[in-house]
Amino acid sequence: MTMAGDAGSRATRELLLVLAIAGAGLVLAMVAAFAPWHPAPAGLVGLHPPAGAAGDAAG
């Protein structure tokens, strides 16, 4: 194999490796973005307005 052919083959292989790693990173980022982060048991946290805030509209 010639020197130029060997360099081209290495460049192609390196480019494919970089693209594969970038693709894996994108997949992991999407999993982290769209997966539920902290599933909490039902009833552990109750959301409610502060006392006196309900119906206190000005006007």
Protein backbone atom coordinates (compact mmCIF):
# COMPACT_ATOMS: atom_id res chain seq x y z
CA MET A 1 0.00 0.00 0.00
CA THR A 2 1.30 3.43 -0.84
CA MET A 3 1.87 6.19 1.67
CA ALA A 4 -0.98 8.31 0.25
CA GLY A 5 -3.45 5.42 0.27
CA ASP A 6 -2.54 4.53 3.85
CA ALA A 7 -3.00 8.13 5.00
CA GLY A 8 -6.40 8.33 3.30
CA SER A 9 -7.52 5.11 4.93
CA ARG A 10 -6.43 6.33 8.37
CA ALA A 11 -8.18 9.67 7.85
CA THR A 12 -11.40 7.94 6.85
CA ARG A 13 -11.23 5.59 9.82
CA GLU A 14 -10.55 8.49 12.19
CA LEU A 15 -13.43 10.52 10.75
CA LEU A 16 -15.81 7.58 11.16
CA LEU A 17 -14.67 7.15 14.78
CA VAL A 18 -15.25 10.83 15.53
CA LEU A 19 -18.72 10.70 13.96
CA ALA A 20 -19.60 7.54 15.91
CA ILE A 21 -18.55 9.13 19.21
CA ALA A 22 -20.47 12.32 18.37
CA GLY A 23 -23.57 10.28 17.53
CA ALA A 24 -23.32 8.36 20.80
CA GLY A 25 -23.01 11.66 22.66
CA LEU A 26 -26.14 13.00 20.98
CA VAL A 27 -28.07 9.87 21.88
CA LEU A 28 -26.97 10.11 25.53
CA ALA A 29 -27.89 13.80 25.62
CA MET A 30 -31.37 13.03 24.27
CA VAL A 31 -31.85 10.28 26.84
CA ALA A 32 -30.83 12.65 29.62
CA ALA A 33 -33.10 15.41 28.30
CA PHE A 34 -36.25 13.35 27.82
CA ALA A 35 -36.02 10.70 30.53
CA PRO A 36 -37.73 11.31 33.88
CA TRP A 37 -35.03 12.47 36.29
CA HIS A 38 -36.41 12.04 39.79
CA PRO A 39 -39.51 9.90 39.95
CA ALA A 40 -41.14 10.58 43.31
CA PRO A 41 -43.70 8.36 44.98
CA ALA A 42 -47.24 9.70 44.80
CA GLY A 43 -48.27 11.74 47.81
CA LEU A 44 -44.75 12.62 48.92
CA VAL A 45 -45.00 16.27 47.85
CA GLY A 46 -48.29 18.16 47.74
CA LEU A 47 -48.46 21.42 45.82
CA HIS A 48 -50.86 24.07 47.16
CA PRO A 49 -51.03 27.88 47.17
CA PRO A 50 -49.93 29.79 50.26
CA ALA A 51 -52.57 30.48 52.91
CA GLY A 52 -54.73 33.47 51.98
CA ALA A 53 -53.58 33.56 48.36
CA ALA A 54 -56.67 31.87 46.92
CA GLY A 55 -59.24 34.48 45.88
CA ASP A 56 -57.08 37.49 46.83
CA ALA A 57 -57.47 39.21 43.46
CA ALA A 58 -56.97 42.95 43.59
CA GLY A 59 -59.98 44.86 42.41
